[in-house]
PDB file of N, CA and C in Angstrom:
ATOM      1  N   MET A   1     -36.122  37.932 247.943  1.00  0.00           N
ATOM      2  CA  MET A   1     -34.938  37.032 246.772  1.00  0.00           C
ATOM      3  C   MET A   1     -36.036  35.814 247.045  1.00  0.00           C
ATOM      4  N   ARG A   2     -36.204  35.053 245.482  1.00  0.00           N
ATOM      5  CA  ARG A   2     -36.750  34.439 244.271  1.00  0.00           C
ATOM      6  C   ARG A   2     -36.416  32.474 244.932  1.00  0.00           C
ATOM      7  N   GLU A   3     -37.658  32.039 246.101  1.00  0.00           N
ATOM      8  CA  GLU A   3     -36.246  30.407 246.608  1.00  0.00           C
ATOM      9  C   GLU A   3     -37.110  30.255 244.868  1.00  0.00           C
ATOM     10  N   ASP A   4     -35.712  29.351 244.651  1.00  0.00           N
ATOM     11  CA  ASP A   4     -35.657  28.579 243.657  1.00  0.00           C
ATOM     12  C   ASP A   4     -36.557  27.474 243.615  1.00  0.00           C
ATOM     13  N   LYS A   5     -37.114  27.375 242.832  1.00  0.00           N
ATOM     14  CA  LYS A   5     -38.046  25.930 242.219  1.00  0.00           C
ATOM     15  C   LYS A   5     -37.711  24.854 241.368  1.00  0.00           C
ATOM     16  N   THR A   6     -37.329  24.101 242.286  1.00  0.00           N
ATOM     17  CA  THR A   6     -37.201  22.332 241.229  1.00  0.00           C
ATOM     18  C   THR A   6     -38.117  22.328 240.200  1.00  0.00           C
ATOM     19  N   TRP A   7     -38.000  21.571 238.939  1.00  0.00           N
ATOM     20  CA  TRP A   7     -38.999  21.667 237.698  1.00  0.00           C
ATOM     21  C   TRP A   7     -39.430  20.344 237.959  1.00  0.00           C
ATOM     22  N   PHE A   8     -38.765  19.350 238.475  1.00  0.00           N
ATOM     23  CA  PHE A   8     -39.730  18.102 238.211  1.00  0.00           C
ATOM     24  C   PHE A   8     -39.042  16.875 240.038  1.00  0.00           C
ATOM     25  N   LYS A   9     -40.561  16.711 240.312  1.00  0.00           N
ATOM     26  CA  LYS A   9     -40.366  16.497 241.724  1.00  0.00           C
ATOM     27  C   LYS A   9     -40.443  14.846 241.737  1.00  0.00           C
ATOM     28  N   ALA A  10     -39.584  14.700 242.793  1.00  0.00           N
ATOM     29  CA  ALA A  10     -39.560  12.498 242.844  1.00  0.00           C
ATOM     30  C   ALA A  10     -41.031  12.318 242.556  1.00  0.00           C
ATOM     31  N   LYS A  11     -40.747  10.642 241.959  1.00  0.00           N
ATOM     32  CA  LYS A  11     -42.028   9.871 242.752  1.00  0.00           C
ATOM     33  C   LYS A  11     -42.029   9.557 243.953  1.00  0.00           C
ATOM     34  N   THR A  12     -42.643   8.846 243.695  1.00  0.00           N
ATOM     35  CA  THR A  12     -43.153   8.624 245.403  1.00  0.00           C
ATOM     36  C   THR A  12     -42.747   7.422 245.716  1.00  0.00           C
ATOM     37  N   HIS A  13     -43.262   6.045 244.441  1.00  0.00           N
ATOM     38  CA  HIS A  13     -42.686   4.688 244.640  1.00  0.00           C
ATOM     39  C   HIS A  13     -41.537   4.484 243.228  1.00  0.00           C
ATOM     40  N   GLY A  14     -40.703   4.254 243.699  1.00  0.00           N
ATOM     41  CA  GLY A  14     -39.546   3.491 242.794  1.00  0.00           C
ATOM     42  C   GLY A  14     -38.672   5.270 242.539  1.00  0.00           C
ATOM     43  N   TRP A  15     -37.501   4.802 241.227  1.00  0.00           N
ATOM     44  CA  TRP A  15     -36.617   5.822 241.417  1.00  0.00           C
ATOM     45  C   TRP A  15     -37.356   7.187 239.894  1.00  0.00           C
ATOM     46  N   GLY A  16     -36.676   8.182 239.914  1.00  0.00           N
ATOM     47  CA  GLY A  16     -37.023   8.655 239.390  1.00  0.00           C
ATOM     48  C   GLY A  16     -37.459  10.202 239.340  1.00  0.00           C
ATOM     49  N   TRP A  17     -37.858  10.380 238.409  1.00  0.00           N
ATOM     50  CA  TRP A  17     -39.004  11.686 238.109  1.00  0.00           C
ATOM     51  C   TRP A  17     -40.360  11.712 237.336  1.00  0.00           C
ATOM     52  N   GLY A  18     -41.566  12.121 237.970  1.00  0.00           N
ATOM     53  CA  GLY A  18     -42.489  12.014 237.693  1.00  0.00           C
ATOM     54  C   GLY A  18     -43.221  13.252 236.335  1.00  0.00           C
ATOM     55  N   PRO A  19     -44.224  13.480 236.715  1.00  0.00           N
ATOM     56  CA  PRO A  19     -44.407  15.197 235.848  1.00  0.00           C
ATOM     57  C   PRO A  19     -43.814  16.085 236.166  1.00  0.00           C
ATOM     58  N   ALA A  20     -43.162  16.947 235.761  1.00  0.00           N
ATOM     59  CA  ALA A  20     -43.213  18.441 235.376  1.00  0.00           C
ATOM     60  C   ALA A  20     -44.175  19.635 236.278  1.00  0.00           C
ATOM     61  N   THR A  21     -43.382  20.255 237.385  1.00  0.00           N
ATOM     62  CA  THR A  21     -44.176  20.907 238.586  1.00  0.00           C
ATOM     63  C   THR A  21     -43.310  22.082 238.091  1.00  0.00           C
ATOM     64  N   THR A  22     -43.113  22.661 237.078  1.00  0.00           N
ATOM     65  CA  THR A  22     -43.000  24.007 236.421  1.00  0.00           C
ATOM     66  C   THR A  22     -42.872  24.026 234.752  1.00  0.00           C
ATOM     67  N   TRP A  23     -43.150  25.434 234.195  1.00  0.00           N
ATOM     68  CA  TRP A  23     -43.396  25.296 232.805  1.00  0.00           C
ATOM     69  C   TRP A  23     -41.982  25.060 231.950  1.00  0.00           C
ATOM     70  N   GLN A  24     -41.329  25.473 232.365  1.00  0.00           N
ATOM     71  CA  GLN A  24     -39.552  24.692 231.866  1.00  0.00           C
ATOM     72  C   GLN A  24     -39.739  23.347 231.765  1.00  0.00           C
ATOM     73  N   GLY A  25     -40.159  22.833 232.780  1.00  0.00           N
ATOM     74  CA  GLY A  25     -39.668  21.307 233.013  1.00  0.00           C
ATOM     75  C   GLY A  25     -41.230  20.580 232.047  1.00  0.00           C
ATOM     76  N   TRP A  26     -41.895  21.195 230.969  1.00  0.00           N
ATOM     77  CA  TRP A  26     -42.719  20.445 230.470  1.00  0.00           C
ATOM     78  C   TRP A  26     -42.090  21.192 229.355  1.00  0.00           C
ATOM     79  N   VAL A  27     -41.882  22.139 228.823  1.00  0.00           N
ATOM     80  CA  VAL A  27     -41.128  22.640 227.684  1.00  0.00           C
ATOM     81  C   VAL A  27     -40.140  21.486 227.829  1.00  0.00           C
ATOM     82  N   VAL A  28     -39.327  21.454 228.465  1.00  0.00           N
ATOM     83  CA  VAL A  28     -37.958  20.154 228.372  1.00  0.00           C
ATOM     84  C   VAL A  28     -38.841  18.810 227.830  1.00  0.00           C
ATOM     85  N   TYR A  29     -39.750  18.625 228.753  1.00  0.00           N
ATOM     86  CA  TYR A  29     -40.625  17.151 228.029  1.00  0.00           C
ATOM     87  C   TYR A  29     -40.967  16.926 226.623  1.00  0.00           C
ATOM     88  N   ILE A  30     -41.822  18.538 226.432  1.00  0.00           N
ATOM     89  CA  ILE A  30     -42.303  18.052 225.237  1.00  0.00           C
ATOM     90  C   ILE A  30     -40.734  18.490 223.768  1.00  0.00           C
ATOM     91  N   ALA A  31     -40.095  19.136 224.693  1.00  0.00           N
ATOM     92  CA  ALA A  31     -38.033  18.839 223.690  1.00  0.00           C
ATOM     93  C   ALA A  31     -38.048  17.962 223.014  1.00  0.00           C
ATOM     94  N   TYR A  32     -37.707  17.147 224.440  1.00  0.00           N
ATOM     95  CA  TYR A  32     -37.305  15.873 223.982  1.00  0.00           C
ATOM     96  C   TYR A  32     -38.715  14.622 222.975  1.00  0.00           C
ATOM     97  N   GLY A  33     -39.468  14.646 223.742  1.00  0.00           N
ATOM     98  CA  GLY A  33     -40.660  14.074 222.662  1.00  0.00           C
ATOM     99  C   GLY A  33     -40.588  14.940 221.063  1.00  0.00           C
ATOM    100  N   VAL A  34     -40.613  16.291 220.464  1.00  0.00           N
ATOM    101  CA  VAL A  34     -40.036  16.436 219.287  1.00  0.00           C
ATOM    102  C   VAL A  34     -38.725  16.159 218.683  1.00  0.00           C
ATOM    103  N   TRP A  35     -37.616  15.679 219.375  1.00  0.00           N
ATOM    104  CA  TRP A  35     -36.694  15.161 219.409  1.00  0.00           C
ATOM    105  C   TRP A  35     -36.754  14.007 218.885  1.00  0.00           C
ATOM    106  N   THR A  36     -37.527  13.291 220.072  1.00  0.00           N
ATOM    107  CA  THR A  36     -37.572  11.677 219.385  1.00  0.00           C
ATOM    108  C   THR A  36     -37.894  11.324 218.474  1.00  0.00           C
ATOM    109  N   VAL A  37     -39.550  12.167 218.037  1.00  0.00           N
ATOM    110  CA  VAL A  37     -40.350  12.052 216.480  1.00  0.00           C
ATOM    111  C   VAL A  37     -38.971  12.495 215.888  1.00  0.00           C
ATOM    112  N   TRP A  38     -38.132  13.864 215.904  1.00  0.00           N
ATOM    113  CA  TRP A  38     -38.007  14.227 214.814  1.00  0.00           C
ATOM    114  C   TRP A  38     -36.606  13.251 214.049  1.00  0.00           C
ATOM    115  N   ALA A  39     -36.414  12.227 214.905  1.00  0.00           N
ATOM    116  CA  ALA A  39     -35.217  11.872 214.757  1.00  0.00           C
ATOM    117  C   ALA A  39     -35.482  10.245 214.079  1.00  0.00           C
ATOM    118  N   ALA A  40     -37.198   9.507 214.672  1.00  0.00           N
ATOM    119  CA  ALA A  40     -37.707   8.563 214.452  1.00  0.00           C
ATOM    120  C   ALA A  40     -37.726   9.364 212.705  1.00  0.00           C
ATOM    121  N   LEU A  41     -38.139  10.506 212.338  1.00  0.00           N
ATOM    122  CA  LEU A  41     -38.689  10.737 211.680  1.00  0.00           C
ATOM    123  C   LEU A  41     -37.364  10.423 210.263  1.00  0.00           C
ATOM    124  N   THR A  42     -36.441  11.461 210.701  1.00  0.00           N
ATOM    125  CA  THR A  42     -35.294  11.685 209.869  1.00  0.00           C
ATOM    126  C   THR A  42     -34.256  10.034 209.000  1.00  0.00           C
ATOM    127  N   PHE A  43     -34.660  10.089 210.466  1.00  0.00           N
ATOM    128  CA  PHE A  43     -33.454   8.160 211.048  1.00  0.00           C
ATOM    129  C   PHE A  43     -34.274   7.689 210.634  1.00  0.00           C
ATOM    130  N   ARG A  44     -35.069   7.298 210.173  1.00  0.00           N
ATOM    131  CA  ARG A  44     -36.247   5.726 210.086  1.00  0.00           C
ATOM    132  C   ARG A  44     -35.589   4.494 210.634  1.00  0.00           C
ATOM    133  N   PRO A  45     -35.668   3.400 211.606  1.00  0.00           N
ATOM    134  CA  PRO A  45     -35.211   2.531 212.210  1.00  0.00           C
ATOM    135  C   PRO A  45     -34.883   1.756 211.415  1.00  0.00           C
ATOM    136  N   ASP A  46     -35.788   1.811 210.720  1.00  0.00           N
ATOM    137  CA  ASP A  46     -35.153   0.222 209.927  1.00  0.00           C
ATOM    138  C   ASP A  46     -34.307   0.673 208.742  1.00  0.00           C
ATOM    139  N   ARG A  47     -33.939   1.830 208.425  1.00  0.00           N
ATOM    140  CA  ARG A  47     -32.583   1.838 207.568  1.00  0.00           C
ATOM    141  C   ARG A  47     -31.754   2.567 208.611  1.00  0.00           C
ATOM    142  N   ASP A  48     -31.950   3.210 209.142  1.00  0.00           N
ATOM    143  CA  ASP A  48     -30.861   3.777 209.402  1.00  0.00           C
ATOM    144  C   ASP A  48     -30.652   4.017 211.468  1.00  0.00           C
ATOM    145  N   LEU A  49     -30.461   2.784 211.775  1.00  0.00           N
ATOM    146  CA  LEU A  49     -30.892   2.098 213.117  1.00  0.00           C
ATOM    147  C   LEU A  49     -29.561   3.018 213.751  1.00  0.00           C
ATOM    148  N   PRO A  50     -28.240   2.890 213.561  1.00  0.00           N
ATOM    149  CA  PRO A  50     -27.692   3.245 214.465  1.00  0.00           C
ATOM    150  C   PRO A  50     -27.413   4.666 214.798  1.00  0.00           C
ATOM    151  N   LEU A  51     -28.270   5.716 213.626  1.00  0.00           N
ATOM    152  CA  LEU A  51     -28.288   6.682 213.831  1.00  0.00           C
ATOM    153  C   LEU A  51     -29.305   7.370 214.729  1.00  0.00           C
ATOM    154  N   PHE A  52     -30.406   7.042 214.653  1.00  0.00           N
ATOM    155  CA  PHE A  52     -31.760   6.962 215.289  1.00  0.00           C
ATOM    156  C   PHE A  52     -31.611   6.610 216.923  1.00  0.00           C
ATOM    157  N   LEU A  53     -30.246   5.325 217.191  1.00  0.00           N
ATOM    158  CA  LEU A  53     -30.058   5.036 218.151  1.00  0.00           C
ATOM    159  C   LEU A  53     -29.412   6.402 218.732  1.00  0.00           C
ATOM    160  N   GLY A  54     -28.736   6.842 218.318  1.00  0.00           N
ATOM    161  CA  GLY A  54     -27.550   7.357 218.427  1.00  0.00           C
ATOM    162  C   GLY A  54     -27.809   8.790 219.052  1.00  0.00           C
ATOM    163  N   CYS A  55     -29.399   9.175 218.407  1.00  0.00           N
ATOM    164  CA  CYS A  55     -30.025  10.423 218.777  1.00  0.00           C
ATOM    165  C   CYS A  55     -30.752  10.222 219.626  1.00  0.00           C
ATOM    166  N   THR A  56     -31.402   9.555 219.858  1.00  0.00           N
ATOM    167  CA  THR A  56     -32.434   8.835 221.186  1.00  0.00           C
ATOM    168  C   THR A  56     -31.820   8.514 222.042  1.00  0.00           C
ATOM    169  N   LEU A  57     -30.521   8.081 221.801  1.00  0.00           N
ATOM    170  CA  LEU A  57     -29.783   8.287 222.830  1.00  0.00           C
ATOM    171  C   LEU A  57     -28.915   9.594 223.695  1.00  0.00           C
ATOM    172  N   GLY A  58     -28.290   9.880 222.564  1.00  0.00           N
ATOM    173  CA  GLY A  58     -28.706  11.559 223.356  1.00  0.00           C
ATOM    174  C   GLY A  58     -29.205  12.673 223.649  1.00  0.00           C
ATOM    175  N   GLY A  59     -30.044  12.405 222.992  1.00  0.00           N
ATOM    176  CA  GLY A  59     -31.426  13.043 223.392  1.00  0.00           C
ATOM    177  C   GLY A  59     -31.468  12.629 225.430  1.00  0.00           C
ATOM    178  N   SER A  60     -32.057  10.910 225.357  1.00  0.00           N
ATOM    179  CA  SER A  60     -31.869  10.755 227.057  1.00  0.00           C
ATOM    180  C   SER A  60     -31.716  11.382 227.934  1.00  0.00           C
ATOM    181  N   VAL A  61     -29.961  11.408 227.410  1.00  0.00           N
ATOM    182  CA  VAL A  61     -28.996  11.887 228.366  1.00  0.00           C
ATOM    183  C   VAL A  61     -28.959  13.274 228.334  1.00  0.00           C
ATOM    184  N   VAL A  62     -29.756  14.158 227.500  1.00  0.00           N
ATOM    185  CA  VAL A  62     -29.788  15.614 227.696  1.00  0.00           C
ATOM    186  C   VAL A  62     -30.161  15.672 229.383  1.00  0.00           C
ATOM    187  N   LEU A  63     -31.747  14.616 228.522  1.00  0.00           N
ATOM    188  CA  LEU A  63     -33.047  14.792 229.550  1.00  0.00           C
ATOM    189  C   LEU A  63     -32.764  14.531 230.991  1.00  0.00           C
ATOM    190  N   LEU A  64     -31.773  13.456 231.067  1.00  0.00           N
ATOM    191  CA  LEU A  64     -31.468  12.912 232.974  1.00  0.00           C
ATOM    192  C   LEU A  64     -30.583  13.900 232.914  1.00  0.00           C
ATOM    193  N   LEU A  65     -29.804  14.446 232.193  1.00  0.00           N
ATOM    194  CA  LEU A  65     -28.898  15.892 232.920  1.00  0.00           C
ATOM    195  C   LEU A  65     -29.647  16.449 233.352  1.00  0.00           C
ATOM    196  N   VAL A  66     -30.545  16.950 232.693  1.00  0.00           N
ATOM    197  CA  VAL A  66     -31.384  18.420 232.648  1.00  0.00           C
ATOM    198  C   VAL A  66     -32.122  17.888 234.581  1.00  0.00           C
ATOM    199  N   CYS A  67     -33.030  16.935 234.397  1.00  0.00           N
ATOM    200  CA  CYS A  67     -33.296  15.961 235.697  1.00  0.00           C
ATOM    201  C   CYS A  67     -32.517  16.265 236.569  1.00  0.00           C
ATOM    202  N   LEU A  68     -31.606  15.916 236.584  1.00  0.00           N
ATOM    203  CA  LEU A  68     -31.037  15.590 237.750  1.00  0.00           C
ATOM    204  C   LEU A  68     -29.878  17.173 238.018  1.00  0.00           C
ATOM    205  N   LEU A  69     -30.127  18.434 237.343  1.00  0.00           N
ATOM    206  CA  LEU A  69     -29.845  19.353 238.048  1.00  0.00           C
ATOM    207  C   LEU A  69     -30.551  19.923 238.772  1.00  0.00           C
ATOM    208  N   LYS A  70     -31.919  19.812 237.161  1.00  0.00           N
ATOM    209  CA  LYS A  70     -33.092  20.430 238.562  1.00  0.00           C
ATOM    210  C   LYS A  70     -34.533  20.034 238.854  1.00  0.00           C
ATOM    211  N   GLY A  71     -34.090  18.499 239.060  1.00  0.00           N
ATOM    212  CA  GLY A  71     -35.615  18.333 240.298  1.00  0.00           C
ATOM    213  C   GLY A  71     -34.562  18.290 241.469  1.00  0.00           C
ATOM    214  N   GLU A  72     -35.369  17.336 241.460  1.00  0.00           N
ATOM    215  CA  GLU A  72     -35.800  16.810 243.111  1.00  0.00           C
ATOM    216  C   GLU A  72     -34.272  15.786 243.241  1.00  0.00           C
ATOM    217  N   LYS A  73     -33.485  15.221 244.418  1.00  0.00           N
ATOM    218  CA  LYS A  73     -32.625  14.500 244.648  1.00  0.00           C
ATOM    219  C   LYS A  73     -33.143  13.264 244.314  1.00  0.00           C
ATOM    220  N   PRO A  74     -33.299  12.238 242.867  1.00  0.00           N
ATOM    221  CA  PRO A  74     -33.611  10.880 242.693  1.00  0.00           C
ATOM    222  C   PRO A  74     -32.728  10.023 243.883  1.00  0.00           C
ATOM    223  N   ALA A  75     -33.659   9.113 244.745  1.00  0.00           N
ATOM    224  CA  ALA A  75     -33.529   7.671 245.196  1.00  0.00           C
ATOM    225  C   ALA A  75     -34.840   6.952 245.418  1.00  0.00           C
ATOM    226  N   TRP A  76     -34.480   5.775 245.796  1.00  0.00           N
ATOM    227  CA  TRP A  76     -35.269   4.956 245.474  1.00  0.00           C
ATOM    228  C   TRP A  76     -36.318   5.562 247.089  1.00  0.00           C
ATOM    229  N   ARG A  77     -37.674   5.174 246.567  1.00  0.00           N
ATOM    230  CA  ARG A  77     -38.892   6.276 247.149  1.00  0.00           C
ATOM    231  C   ARG A  77     -40.169   4.506 246.738  1.00  0.00           C
ATOM    232  N   TRP A  78     -40.400   4.466 248.792  1.00  0.00           N
ATOM    233  CA  TRP A  78     -41.841   3.290 248.667  1.00  0.00           C
ATOM    234  C   TRP A  78     -42.428   3.621 249.403  1.00  0.00           C
ATOM    235  N   GLY A  79     -43.420   4.964 248.848  1.00  0.00           N
ATOM    236  CA  GLY A  79     -44.510   5.430 249.312  1.00  0.00           C
ATOM    237  C   GLY A  79     -44.706   5.966 250.113  1.00  0.00           C
ATOM    238  N   GLY A  80     -45.045   6.192 251.386  1.00  0.00           N
ATOM    239  CA  GLY A  80     -45.473   6.653 252.564  1.00  0.00           C
ATOM    240  C   GLY A  80     -44.129   5.691 253.772  1.00  0.00           C
ATOM    241  N   ARG A  81     -43.449   4.423 253.386  1.00  0.00           N
ATOM    242  CA  ARG A  81     -42.879   4.150 254.957  1.00  0.00           C
ATOM    243  C   ARG A  81     -41.483   4.576 255.098  1.00  0.00           C
TER     244      ARG A  81
END
């Protein structure tokens, strides 16, 4: 039976996740970057700020949910202590 791997390792300092540990995690990060650039080019912040903020907030929520589901459990970490 195959062991389930996490896509994102928890950071060693602070709260959250660091670089992806699998190709699936990198695809998620790249997709988030592409989504954000697309939102900036489609809904220019100087003209369509509410739409731009909605797109970037929506993409950030999706990224956070994927990290919560496929990453290590987040917690405050202080290094080796």
